[in-house]
Full PDB file with SEQRES, HELIX, SHEET, SSBOND, CRYST1, ORIGX, SCALE, CONECT and MASTER records, all heavy atoms in Angstrom:
SEQRES   1 A   38  GLU CYS ILE ALA ALA SER GLY GLU GLU ASN ALA LEU LEU          
SEQRES   2 A   38  TYR TRP GLN CYS SER ARG GLY THR ALA LEU ARG ARG HIS          
SEQRES   3 A   38  ASN PHE PRO ASP ALA SER VAL ARG PRO ASN LEU THR              
HELIX    1 AA1 CYS A    2  SER A    6  1                                   5    
SHEET    1 AA1 2 CYS A  17  SER A  18  0                                        
SHEET    2 AA1 2 ASN A  36  LEU A  37 -1                                        
CRYST1    1.000    1.000    1.000  90.00  90.00  90.00 P 1           1          
ORIGX1      1.000000  0.000000  0.000000        0.00000                         
ORIGX2      0.000000  1.000000  0.000000        0.00000                         
ORIGX3      0.000000  0.000000  1.000000        0.00000                         
SCALE1      1.000000  0.000000  0.000000        0.00000                         
SCALE2      0.000000  1.000000  0.000000        0.00000                         
SCALE3      0.000000  0.000000  1.000000        0.00000                         
ATOM      1  N   GLU A   1       2.639  13.589  -5.070  1.00  0.00           N  
ATOM      2  CA  GLU A   1       1.786  13.524  -6.267  1.00  0.00           C  
ATOM      3  C   GLU A   1       0.318  13.389  -5.857  1.00  0.00           C  
ATOM      4  O   GLU A   1      -0.563  14.028  -6.434  1.00  0.00           O  
ATOM      5  CB  GLU A   1       2.200  12.350  -7.147  1.00  0.00           C  
ATOM      6  CG  GLU A   1       1.371  12.206  -8.417  1.00  0.00           C  
ATOM      7  CD  GLU A   1       1.764  10.997  -9.248  1.00  0.00           C  
ATOM      8  OE1 GLU A   1       2.718  10.285  -8.871  1.00  0.00           O  
ATOM      9  OE2 GLU A   1       1.104  10.748 -10.274  1.00  0.00           O  
ATOM     10  N   CYS A   2       0.063  12.571  -4.841  1.00  0.00           N  
ATOM     11  CA  CYS A   2      -1.312  12.389  -4.356  1.00  0.00           C  
ATOM     12  C   CYS A   2      -1.827  13.671  -3.708  1.00  0.00           C  
ATOM     13  O   CYS A   2      -2.989  14.052  -3.897  1.00  0.00           O  
ATOM     14  CB  CYS A   2      -1.369  11.233  -3.369  1.00  0.00           C  
ATOM     15  SG  CYS A   2      -1.072   9.604  -4.102  1.00  0.00           S  
ATOM     16  N   ILE A   3      -0.966  14.351  -2.942  1.00  0.00           N  
ATOM     17  CA  ILE A   3      -1.361  15.615  -2.321  1.00  0.00           C  
ATOM     18  C   ILE A   3      -1.743  16.619  -3.392  1.00  0.00           C  
ATOM     19  O   ILE A   3      -2.776  17.289  -3.313  1.00  0.00           O  
ATOM     20  CB  ILE A   3      -0.214  16.159  -1.439  1.00  0.00           C  
ATOM     21  CG1 ILE A   3      -0.009  15.274  -0.212  1.00  0.00           C  
ATOM     22  CG2 ILE A   3      -0.512  17.599  -1.006  1.00  0.00           C  
ATOM     23  CD1 ILE A   3       1.246  15.603   0.576  1.00  0.00           C  
ATOM     24  N   ALA A   4      -0.893  16.734  -4.426  1.00  0.00           N  
ATOM     25  CA  ALA A   4      -1.160  17.687  -5.505  1.00  0.00           C  
ATOM     26  C   ALA A   4      -2.450  17.339  -6.242  1.00  0.00           C  
ATOM     27  O   ALA A   4      -3.240  18.223  -6.596  1.00  0.00           O  
ATOM     28  CB  ALA A   4       0.017  17.715  -6.473  1.00  0.00           C  
ATOM     29  N   ALA A   5      -2.682  16.055  -6.461  1.00  0.00           N  
ATOM     30  CA  ALA A   5      -3.882  15.635  -7.183  1.00  0.00           C  
ATOM     31  C   ALA A   5      -5.154  15.955  -6.409  1.00  0.00           C  
ATOM     32  O   ALA A   5      -6.207  16.202  -6.999  1.00  0.00           O  
ATOM     33  CB  ALA A   5      -3.813  14.139  -7.479  1.00  0.00           C  
ATOM     34  N   SER A   6      -5.058  15.949  -5.080  1.00  0.00           N  
ATOM     35  CA  SER A   6      -6.248  16.229  -4.276  1.00  0.00           C  
ATOM     36  C   SER A   6      -6.654  17.691  -4.365  1.00  0.00           C  
ATOM     37  O   SER A   6      -7.836  18.025  -4.272  1.00  0.00           O  
ATOM     38  CB  SER A   6      -6.002  15.863  -2.807  1.00  0.00           C  
ATOM     39  OG  SER A   6      -5.177  16.817  -2.165  1.00  0.00           O  
ATOM     40  N   GLY A   7      -5.673  18.562  -4.514  1.00  0.00           N  
ATOM     41  CA  GLY A   7      -5.965  19.990  -4.557  1.00  0.00           C  
ATOM     42  C   GLY A   7      -6.398  20.564  -3.224  1.00  0.00           C  
ATOM     43  O   GLY A   7      -6.854  21.709  -3.153  1.00  0.00           O  
ATOM     44  N   GLU A   8      -6.232  19.792  -2.143  1.00  0.00           N  
ATOM     45  CA  GLU A   8      -6.674  20.229  -0.822  1.00  0.00           C  
ATOM     46  C   GLU A   8      -5.546  20.936  -0.073  1.00  0.00           C  
ATOM     47  O   GLU A   8      -4.414  20.466  -0.057  1.00  0.00           O  
ATOM     48  CB  GLU A   8      -7.149  19.029   0.006  1.00  0.00           C  
ATOM     49  CG  GLU A   8      -8.384  18.332  -0.547  1.00  0.00           C  
ATOM     50  CD  GLU A   8      -9.633  19.189  -0.434  1.00  0.00           C  
ATOM     51  OE1 GLU A   8      -9.689  20.046   0.467  1.00  0.00           O  
ATOM     52  OE2 GLU A   8     -10.549  18.999  -1.248  1.00  0.00           O  
ATOM     53  N   GLU A   9      -5.850  22.075   0.550  1.00  0.00           N  
ATOM     54  CA  GLU A   9      -4.849  22.778   1.341  1.00  0.00           C  
ATOM     55  C   GLU A   9      -4.681  22.155   2.722  1.00  0.00           C  
ATOM     56  O   GLU A   9      -3.591  22.151   3.285  1.00  0.00           O  
ATOM     57  CB  GLU A   9      -5.232  24.257   1.480  1.00  0.00           C  
ATOM     58  CG  GLU A   9      -5.106  25.042   0.187  1.00  0.00           C  
ATOM     59  CD  GLU A   9      -5.207  26.533   0.417  1.00  0.00           C  
ATOM     60  OE1 GLU A   9      -5.411  26.942   1.583  1.00  0.00           O  
ATOM     61  OE2 GLU A   9      -5.084  27.283  -0.556  1.00  0.00           O  
ATOM     62  N   ASN A  10      -5.773  21.656   3.296  1.00  0.00           N  
ATOM     63  CA  ASN A  10      -5.734  21.012   4.610  1.00  0.00           C  
ATOM     64  C   ASN A  10      -6.299  19.605   4.460  1.00  0.00           C  
ATOM     65  O   ASN A  10      -7.461  19.438   4.050  1.00  0.00           O  
ATOM     66  CB  ASN A  10      -6.559  21.798   5.627  1.00  0.00           C  
ATOM     67  CG  ASN A  10      -6.000  23.181   5.862  1.00  0.00           C  
ATOM     68  OD1 ASN A  10      -4.949  23.340   6.459  1.00  0.00           O  
ATOM     69  ND2 ASN A  10      -6.710  24.189   5.372  1.00  0.00           N  
ATOM     70  N   ALA A  11      -5.488  18.608   4.770  1.00  0.00           N  
ATOM     71  CA  ALA A  11      -5.916  17.229   4.541  1.00  0.00           C  
ATOM     72  C   ALA A  11      -5.134  16.273   5.421  1.00  0.00           C  
ATOM     73  O   ALA A  11      -4.089  16.617   5.987  1.00  0.00           O  
ATOM     74  CB  ALA A  11      -5.715  16.859   3.067  1.00  0.00           C  
ATOM     75  N   LEU A  12      -5.661  15.057   5.527  1.00  0.00           N  
ATOM     76  CA  LEU A  12      -4.945  13.972   6.192  1.00  0.00           C  
ATOM     77  C   LEU A  12      -4.339  13.093   5.111  1.00  0.00           C  
ATOM     78  O   LEU A  12      -5.039  12.619   4.212  1.00  0.00           O  
ATOM     79  CB  LEU A  12      -5.885  13.154   7.072  1.00  0.00           C  
ATOM     80  CG  LEU A  12      -5.204  12.040   7.883  1.00  0.00           C  
ATOM     81  CD1 LEU A  12      -4.314  12.650   8.965  1.00  0.00           C  
ATOM     82  CD2 LEU A  12      -6.240  11.110   8.512  1.00  0.00           C  
ATOM     83  N   LEU A  13      -3.030  12.895   5.195  1.00  0.00           N  
ATOM     84  CA  LEU A  13      -2.309  12.023   4.270  1.00  0.00           C  
ATOM     85  C   LEU A  13      -2.075  10.689   4.967  1.00  0.00           C  
ATOM     86  O   LEU A  13      -1.441  10.641   6.021  1.00  0.00           O  
ATOM     87  CB  LEU A  13      -0.982  12.667   3.875  1.00  0.00           C  
ATOM     88  CG  LEU A  13       0.004  11.799   3.083  1.00  0.00           C  
ATOM     89  CD1 LEU A  13      -0.568  11.434   1.722  1.00  0.00           C  
ATOM     90  CD2 LEU A  13       1.350  12.511   2.944  1.00  0.00           C  
ATOM     91  N   TYR A  14      -2.569   9.612   4.379  1.00  0.00           N  
ATOM     92  CA  TYR A  14      -2.464   8.267   4.959  1.00  0.00           C  
ATOM     93  C   TYR A  14      -1.815   7.361   3.927  1.00  0.00           C  
ATOM     94  O   TYR A  14      -2.158   7.417   2.745  1.00  0.00           O  
ATOM     95  CB  TYR A  14      -3.865   7.751   5.309  1.00  0.00           C  
ATOM     96  CG  TYR A  14      -3.931   6.285   5.708  1.00  0.00           C  
ATOM     97  CD1 TYR A  14      -3.985   5.916   7.046  1.00  0.00           C  
ATOM     98  CD2 TYR A  14      -3.967   5.273   4.744  1.00  0.00           C  
ATOM     99  CE1 TYR A  14      -4.057   4.582   7.415  1.00  0.00           C  
ATOM    100  CE2 TYR A  14      -4.029   3.937   5.107  1.00  0.00           C  
ATOM    101  CZ  TYR A  14      -4.072   3.592   6.443  1.00  0.00           C  
ATOM    102  OH  TYR A  14      -4.136   2.267   6.805  1.00  0.00           O  
ATOM    103  N   TRP A  15      -0.879   6.535   4.374  1.00  0.00           N  
ATOM    104  CA  TRP A  15      -0.345   5.529   3.462  1.00  0.00           C  
ATOM    105  C   TRP A  15      -0.075   4.246   4.223  1.00  0.00           C  
ATOM    106  O   TRP A  15       0.207   4.259   5.409  1.00  0.00           O  
ATOM    107  CB  TRP A  15       0.905   6.037   2.749  1.00  0.00           C  
ATOM    108  CG  TRP A  15       2.126   6.284   3.568  1.00  0.00           C  
ATOM    109  CD1 TRP A  15       3.190   5.455   3.726  1.00  0.00           C  
ATOM    110  CD2 TRP A  15       2.445   7.465   4.332  1.00  0.00           C  
ATOM    111  NE1 TRP A  15       4.143   6.027   4.531  1.00  0.00           N  
ATOM    112  CE2 TRP A  15       3.723   7.270   4.909  1.00  0.00           C  
ATOM    113  CE3 TRP A  15       1.780   8.670   4.568  1.00  0.00           C  
ATOM    114  CZ2 TRP A  15       4.330   8.216   5.724  1.00  0.00           C  
ATOM    115  CZ3 TRP A  15       2.382   9.612   5.384  1.00  0.00           C  
ATOM    116  CH2 TRP A  15       3.637   9.388   5.943  1.00  0.00           C  
ATOM    117  N   GLN A  16      -0.215   3.126   3.508  1.00  0.00           N  
ATOM    118  CA  GLN A  16       0.014   1.831   4.133  1.00  0.00           C  
ATOM    119  C   GLN A  16       0.716   0.900   3.155  1.00  0.00           C  
ATOM    120  O   GLN A  16       0.656   1.078   1.934  1.00  0.00           O  
ATOM    121  CB  GLN A  16      -1.294   1.193   4.604  1.00  0.00           C  
ATOM    122  CG  GLN A  16      -2.179   0.653   3.486  1.00  0.00           C  
ATOM    123  CD  GLN A  16      -3.405  -0.079   4.012  1.00  0.00           C  
ATOM    124  OE1 GLN A  16      -4.055   0.370   4.947  1.00  0.00           O  
ATOM    125  NE2 GLN A  16      -3.739  -1.191   3.388  1.00  0.00           N  
ATOM    126  N   CYS A  17       1.370  -0.095   3.727  1.00  0.00           N  
ATOM    127  CA  CYS A  17       2.047  -1.104   2.926  1.00  0.00           C  
ATOM    128  C   CYS A  17       1.673  -2.474   3.465  1.00  0.00           C  
ATOM    129  O   CYS A  17       1.794  -2.725   4.669  1.00  0.00           O  
ATOM    130  CB  CYS A  17       3.562  -0.903   2.997  1.00  0.00           C  
ATOM    131  SG  CYS A  17       4.517  -2.120   2.055  1.00  0.00           S  
ATOM    132  N   SER A  18       1.207  -3.335   2.594  1.00  0.00           N  
ATOM    133  CA  SER A  18       0.936  -4.717   2.993  1.00  0.00           C  
ATOM    134  C   SER A  18       2.024  -5.623   2.426  1.00  0.00           C  
ATOM    135  O   SER A  18       2.808  -5.216   1.566  1.00  0.00           O  
ATOM    136  CB  SER A  18      -0.431  -5.178   2.498  1.00  0.00           C  
ATOM    137  OG  SER A  18      -0.408  -5.420   1.097  1.00  0.00           O  
ATOM    138  N   ARG A  19       2.058  -6.862   2.911  1.00  0.00           N  
ATOM    139  CA  ARG A  19       3.119  -7.780   2.490  1.00  0.00           C  
ATOM    140  C   ARG A  19       2.967  -8.212   1.035  1.00  0.00           C  
ATOM    141  O   ARG A  19       3.905  -8.732   0.437  1.00  0.00           O  
ATOM    142  CB  ARG A  19       3.143  -9.008   3.414  1.00  0.00           C  
ATOM    143  CG  ARG A  19       4.456  -9.783   3.353  1.00  0.00           C  
ATOM    144  CD  ARG A  19       4.462 -10.939   4.352  1.00  0.00           C  
ATOM    145  NE  ARG A  19       4.264 -10.501   5.720  1.00  0.00           N  
ATOM    146  CZ  ARG A  19       5.216 -10.044   6.510  1.00  0.00           C  
ATOM    147  NH1 ARG A  19       6.465  -9.957   6.070  1.00  0.00           N  
ATOM    148  NH2 ARG A  19       4.963  -9.661   7.747  1.00  0.00           N  
ATOM    149  N   GLY A  20       1.793  -7.994   0.452  1.00  0.00           N  
ATOM    150  CA  GLY A  20       1.610  -8.330  -0.953  1.00  0.00           C  
ATOM    151  C   GLY A  20       0.292  -9.030  -1.210  1.00  0.00           C  
ATOM    152  O   GLY A  20      -0.573  -9.123  -0.335  1.00  0.00           O  
ATOM    153  N   THR A  21       0.134  -9.521  -2.411  1.00  0.00           N  
ATOM    154  CA  THR A  21      -1.078 -10.211  -2.850  1.00  0.00           C  
ATOM    155  C   THR A  21      -0.760 -11.685  -3.083  1.00  0.00           C  
ATOM    156  O   THR A  21       0.084 -12.011  -3.924  1.00  0.00           O  
ATOM    157  CB  THR A  21      -1.625  -9.582  -4.141  1.00  0.00           C  
ATOM    158  OG1 THR A  21      -1.870  -8.190  -3.916  1.00  0.00           O  
ATOM    159  CG2 THR A  21      -2.914 -10.260  -4.588  1.00  0.00           C  
ATOM    160  N   ALA A  22      -1.420 -12.570  -2.346  1.00  0.00           N  
ATOM    161  CA  ALA A  22      -1.137 -14.002  -2.444  1.00  0.00           C  
ATOM    162  C   ALA A  22      -2.278 -14.789  -1.810  1.00  0.00           C  
ATOM    163  O   ALA A  22      -3.047 -14.247  -1.012  1.00  0.00           O  
ATOM    164  CB  ALA A  22       0.180 -14.330  -1.739  1.00  0.00           C  
ATOM    165  N   LEU A  23      -2.370 -16.070  -2.160  1.00  0.00           N  
ATOM    166  CA  LEU A  23      -3.375 -16.933  -1.538  1.00  0.00           C  
ATOM    167  C   LEU A  23      -3.179 -16.943  -0.028  1.00  0.00           C  
ATOM    168  O   LEU A  23      -2.059 -16.878   0.471  1.00  0.00           O  
ATOM    169  CB  LEU A  23      -3.268 -18.353  -2.090  1.00  0.00           C  
ATOM    170  CG  LEU A  23      -3.732 -18.553  -3.534  1.00  0.00           C  
ATOM    171  CD1 LEU A  23      -3.406 -19.965  -4.003  1.00  0.00           C  
ATOM    172  CD2 LEU A  23      -5.237 -18.287  -3.657  1.00  0.00           C  
ATOM    173  N   ARG A  24      -4.300 -17.058   0.699  1.00  0.00           N  
ATOM    174  CA  ARG A  24      -4.260 -16.956   2.143  1.00  0.00           C  
ATOM    175  C   ARG A  24      -3.540 -18.153   2.767  1.00  0.00           C  
ATOM    176  O   ARG A  24      -3.955 -19.296   2.625  1.00  0.00           O  
ATOM    177  CB  ARG A  24      -5.681 -16.855   2.713  1.00  0.00           C  
ATOM    178  CG  ARG A  24      -5.706 -16.619   4.218  1.00  0.00           C  
ATOM    179  CD  ARG A  24      -7.138 -16.636   4.755  1.00  0.00           C  
ATOM    180  NE  ARG A  24      -7.169 -16.294   6.161  1.00  0.00           N  
ATOM    181  CZ  ARG A  24      -6.899 -17.139   7.164  1.00  0.00           C  
ATOM    182  NH1 ARG A  24      -6.586 -18.401   6.886  1.00  0.00           N  
ATOM    183  NH2 ARG A  24      -6.960 -16.740   8.416  1.00  0.00           N  
ATOM    184  N   ARG A  25      -2.457 -17.845   3.461  1.00  0.00           N  
ATOM    185  CA  ARG A  25      -1.764 -18.807   4.315  1.00  0.00           C  
ATOM    186  C   ARG A  25      -0.935 -17.998   5.303  1.00  0.00           C  
ATOM    187  O   ARG A  25      -0.533 -16.865   5.022  1.00  0.00           O  
ATOM    188  CB  ARG A  25      -0.884 -19.772   3.523  1.00  0.00           C  
ATOM    189  CG  ARG A  25       0.278 -19.130   2.804  1.00  0.00           C  
ATOM    190  CD  ARG A  25       1.227 -20.179   2.247  1.00  0.00           C  
ATOM    191  NE  ARG A  25       2.418 -19.571   1.681  1.00  0.00           N  
ATOM    192  CZ  ARG A  25       3.509 -20.239   1.342  1.00  0.00           C  
ATOM    193  NH1 ARG A  25       3.554 -21.552   1.515  1.00  0.00           N  
ATOM    194  NH2 ARG A  25       4.553 -19.619   0.829  1.00  0.00           N  
ATOM    195  N   HIS A  26      -0.675 -18.583   6.474  1.00  0.00           N  
ATOM    196  CA  HIS A  26      -0.009 -17.823   7.509  1.00  0.00           C  
ATOM    197  C   HIS A  26       1.458 -17.554   7.193  1.00  0.00           C  
ATOM    198  O   HIS A  26       1.989 -16.521   7.600  1.00  0.00           O  
ATOM    199  CB  HIS A  26      -0.144 -18.538   8.862  1.00  0.00           C  
ATOM    200  CG  HIS A  26      -1.515 -18.427   9.460  1.00  0.00           C  
ATOM    201  ND1 HIS A  26      -2.599 -19.095   8.951  1.00  0.00           N  
ATOM    202  CD2 HIS A  26      -1.968 -17.698  10.510  1.00  0.00           C  
ATOM    203  CE1 HIS A  26      -3.678 -18.810   9.670  1.00  0.00           C  
ATOM    204  NE2 HIS A  26      -3.323 -17.958  10.627  1.00  0.00           N  
ATOM    205  N   ASN A  27       2.120 -18.453   6.499  1.00  0.00           N  
ATOM    206  CA  ASN A  27       3.512 -18.218   6.130  1.00  0.00           C  
ATOM    207  C   ASN A  27       3.623 -17.008   5.202  1.00  0.00           C  
ATOM    208  O   ASN A  27       2.675 -16.662   4.498  1.00  0.00           O  
ATOM    209  CB  ASN A  27       4.089 -19.435   5.389  1.00  0.00           C  
ATOM    210  CG  ASN A  27       4.045 -20.691   6.226  1.00  0.00           C  
ATOM    211  OD1 ASN A  27       3.164 -20.867   7.042  1.00  0.00           O  
ATOM    212  ND2 ASN A  27       4.993 -21.564   5.991  1.00  0.00           N  
ATOM    213  N   PHE A  28       4.810 -16.405   5.182  1.00  0.00           N  
ATOM    214  CA  PHE A  28       5.044 -15.338   4.217  1.00  0.00           C  
ATOM    215  C   PHE A  28       4.900 -15.904   2.800  1.00  0.00           C  
ATOM    216  O   PHE A  28       5.253 -17.066   2.557  1.00  0.00           O  
ATOM    217  CB  PHE A  28       6.458 -14.768   4.366  1.00  0.00           C  
ATOM    218  CG  PHE A  28       6.709 -14.015   5.647  1.00  0.00           C  
ATOM    219  CD1 PHE A  28       7.977 -13.548   5.943  1.00  0.00           C  
ATOM    220  CD2 PHE A  28       5.692 -13.764   6.559  1.00  0.00           C  
ATOM    221  CE1 PHE A  28       8.238 -12.849   7.106  1.00  0.00           C  
ATOM    222  CE2 PHE A  28       5.923 -13.069   7.736  1.00  0.00           C  
ATOM    223  CZ  PHE A  28       7.203 -12.610   8.009  1.00  0.00           C  
ATOM    224  N   PRO A  29       4.416 -15.099   1.866  1.00  0.00           N  
ATOM    225  CA  PRO A  29       4.340 -15.568   0.481  1.00  0.00           C  
ATOM    226  C   PRO A  29       5.724 -15.702  -0.135  1.00  0.00           C  
ATOM    227  O   PRO A  29       6.740 -15.288   0.453  1.00  0.00           O  
ATOM    228  CB  PRO A  29       3.530 -14.478  -0.221  1.00  0.00           C  
ATOM    229  CG  PRO A  29       3.727 -13.256   0.608  1.00  0.00           C  
ATOM    230  CD  PRO A  29       3.874 -13.734   2.029  1.00  0.00           C  
ATOM    231  N   ASP A  30       5.776 -16.261  -1.325  1.00  0.00           N  
ATOM    232  CA  ASP A  30       7.026 -16.422  -2.050  1.00  0.00           C  
ATOM    233  C   ASP A  30       7.730 -15.075  -2.203  1.00  0.00           C  
ATOM    234  O   ASP A  30       7.093 -14.022  -2.294  1.00  0.00           O  
ATOM    235  CB  ASP A  30       6.724 -17.022  -3.434  1.00  0.00           C  
ATOM    236  CG  ASP A  30       7.986 -17.315  -4.212  1.00  0.00           C  
ATOM    237  OD1 ASP A  30       8.533 -18.415  -4.071  1.00  0.00           O  
ATOM    238  OD2 ASP A  30       8.417 -16.421  -4.981  1.00  0.00           O  
ATOM    239  N   ALA A  31       9.053 -15.118  -2.271  1.00  0.00           N  
ATOM    240  CA  ALA A  31       9.847 -13.893  -2.354  1.00  0.00           C  
ATOM    241  C   ALA A  31       9.532 -13.068  -3.597  1.00  0.00           C  
ATOM    242  O   ALA A  31       9.841 -11.866  -3.645  1.00  0.00           O  
ATOM    243  CB  ALA A  31      11.332 -14.236  -2.316  1.00  0.00           C  
ATOM    244  N   SER A  32       8.924 -13.677  -4.596  1.00  0.00           N  
ATOM    245  CA  SER A  32       8.582 -12.942  -5.811  1.00  0.00           C  
ATOM    246  C   SER A  32       7.387 -12.005  -5.608  1.00  0.00           C  
ATOM    247  O   SER A  32       7.148 -11.112  -6.423  1.00  0.00           O  
ATOM    248  CB  SER A  32       8.269 -13.915  -6.955  1.00  0.00           C  
ATOM    249  OG  SER A  32       7.115 -14.697  -6.642  1.00  0.00           O  
ATOM    250  N   VAL A  33       6.625 -12.215  -4.525  1.00  0.00           N  
ATOM    251  CA  VAL A  33       5.468 -11.365  -4.228  1.00  0.00           C  
ATOM    252  C   VAL A  33       5.969 -10.049  -3.643  1.00  0.00           C  
ATOM    253  O   VAL A  33       6.693 -10.036  -2.650  1.00  0.00           O  
ATOM    254  CB  VAL A  33       4.505 -12.058  -3.242  1.00  0.00           C  
ATOM    255  CG1 VAL A  33       3.385 -11.112  -2.827  1.00  0.00           C  
ATOM    256  CG2 VAL A  33       3.948 -13.322  -3.864  1.00  0.00           C  
ATOM    257  N   ARG A  34       5.567  -8.945  -4.266  1.00  0.00           N  
ATOM    258  CA  ARG A  34       6.042  -7.637  -3.843  1.00  0.00           C  
ATOM    259  C   ARG A  34       5.012  -6.945  -2.942  1.00  0.00           C  
ATOM    260  O   ARG A  34       3.810  -7.187  -3.049  1.00  0.00           O  
ATOM    261  CB  ARG A  34       6.309  -6.749  -5.073  1.00  0.00           C  
ATOM    262  CG  ARG A  34       7.369  -7.300  -5.994  1.00  0.00           C  
ATOM    263  CD  ARG A  34       8.695  -7.462  -5.278  1.00  0.00           C  
ATOM    264  NE  ARG A  34       9.135  -6.197  -4.692  1.00  0.00           N  
ATOM    265  CZ  ARG A  34       9.934  -6.100  -3.651  1.00  0.00           C  
ATOM    266  NH1 ARG A  34      10.381  -7.187  -3.034  1.00  0.00           N  
ATOM    267  NH2 ARG A  34      10.290  -4.914  -3.190  1.00  0.00           N  
ATOM    268  N   PRO A  35       5.476  -6.079  -2.039  1.00  0.00           N  
ATOM    269  CA  PRO A  35       4.554  -5.342  -1.163  1.00  0.00           C  
ATOM    270  C   PRO A  35       3.615  -4.442  -1.970  1.00  0.00           C  
ATOM    271  O   PRO A  35       3.948  -3.998  -3.076  1.00  0.00           O  
ATOM    272  CB  PRO A  35       5.502  -4.500  -0.292  1.00  0.00           C  
ATOM    273  CG  PRO A  35       6.817  -5.196  -0.365  1.00  0.00           C  
ATOM    274  CD  PRO A  35       6.892  -5.782  -1.727  1.00  0.00           C  
ATOM    275  N   ASN A  36       2.446  -4.180  -1.392  1.00  0.00           N  
ATOM    276  CA  ASN A  36       1.460  -3.298  -2.010  1.00  0.00           C  
ATOM    277  C   ASN A  36       1.428  -1.964  -1.273  1.00  0.00           C  
ATOM    278  O   ASN A  36       1.414  -1.923  -0.044  1.00  0.00           O  
ATOM    279  CB  ASN A  36       0.067  -3.924  -1.957  1.00  0.00           C  
ATOM    280  CG  ASN A  36      -0.033  -5.179  -2.804  1.00  0.00           C  
ATOM    281  OD1 ASN A  36       0.551  -5.255  -3.878  1.00  0.00           O  
ATOM    282  ND2 ASN A  36      -0.767  -6.169  -2.324  1.00  0.00           N  
ATOM    283  N   LEU A  37       1.377  -0.877  -2.030  1.00  0.00           N  
ATOM    284  CA  LEU A  37       1.327   0.461  -1.458  1.00  0.00           C  
ATOM    285  C   LEU A  37      -0.030   1.098  -1.727  1.00  0.00           C  
ATOM    286  O   LEU A  37      -0.494   1.144  -2.863  1.00  0.00           O  
ATOM    287  CB  LEU A  37       2.427   1.340  -2.059  1.00  0.00           C  
ATOM    288  CG  LEU A  37       2.436   2.810  -1.609  1.00  0.00           C  
ATOM    289  CD1 LEU A  37       2.726   2.928  -0.117  1.00  0.00           C  
ATOM    290  CD2 LEU A  37       3.455   3.609  -2.423  1.00  0.00           C  
ATOM    291  N   THR A  38      -0.650   1.578  -0.647  1.00  0.00           N  
ATOM    292  CA  THR A  38      -1.926   2.288  -0.723  1.00  0.00           C  
ATOM    293  C   THR A  38      -1.755   3.679  -0.130  1.00  0.00           C  
ATOM    294  O   THR A  38      -1.090   3.831   0.901  1.00  0.00           O  
ATOM    295  CB  THR A  38      -3.014   1.544   0.076  1.00  0.00           C  
ATOM    296  OG1 THR A  38      -3.149   0.216  -0.430  1.00  0.00           O  
ATOM    297  CG2 THR A  38      -4.363   2.258  -0.021  1.00  0.00           C  
TER     298      THR A  38                                                      
MASTER        0    0    0    1    2    0    0    6  297    1    0    3          
END                                                                             
């Protein structure tokens, strides 16, 4: 969907996933926090 939206024939496709959005602490956040996709 992102490729199509760009309309570019030649491009770099990049995607990343983080552990989620939560207050800063070294431990993993609560299990209810879902990963973020960029």
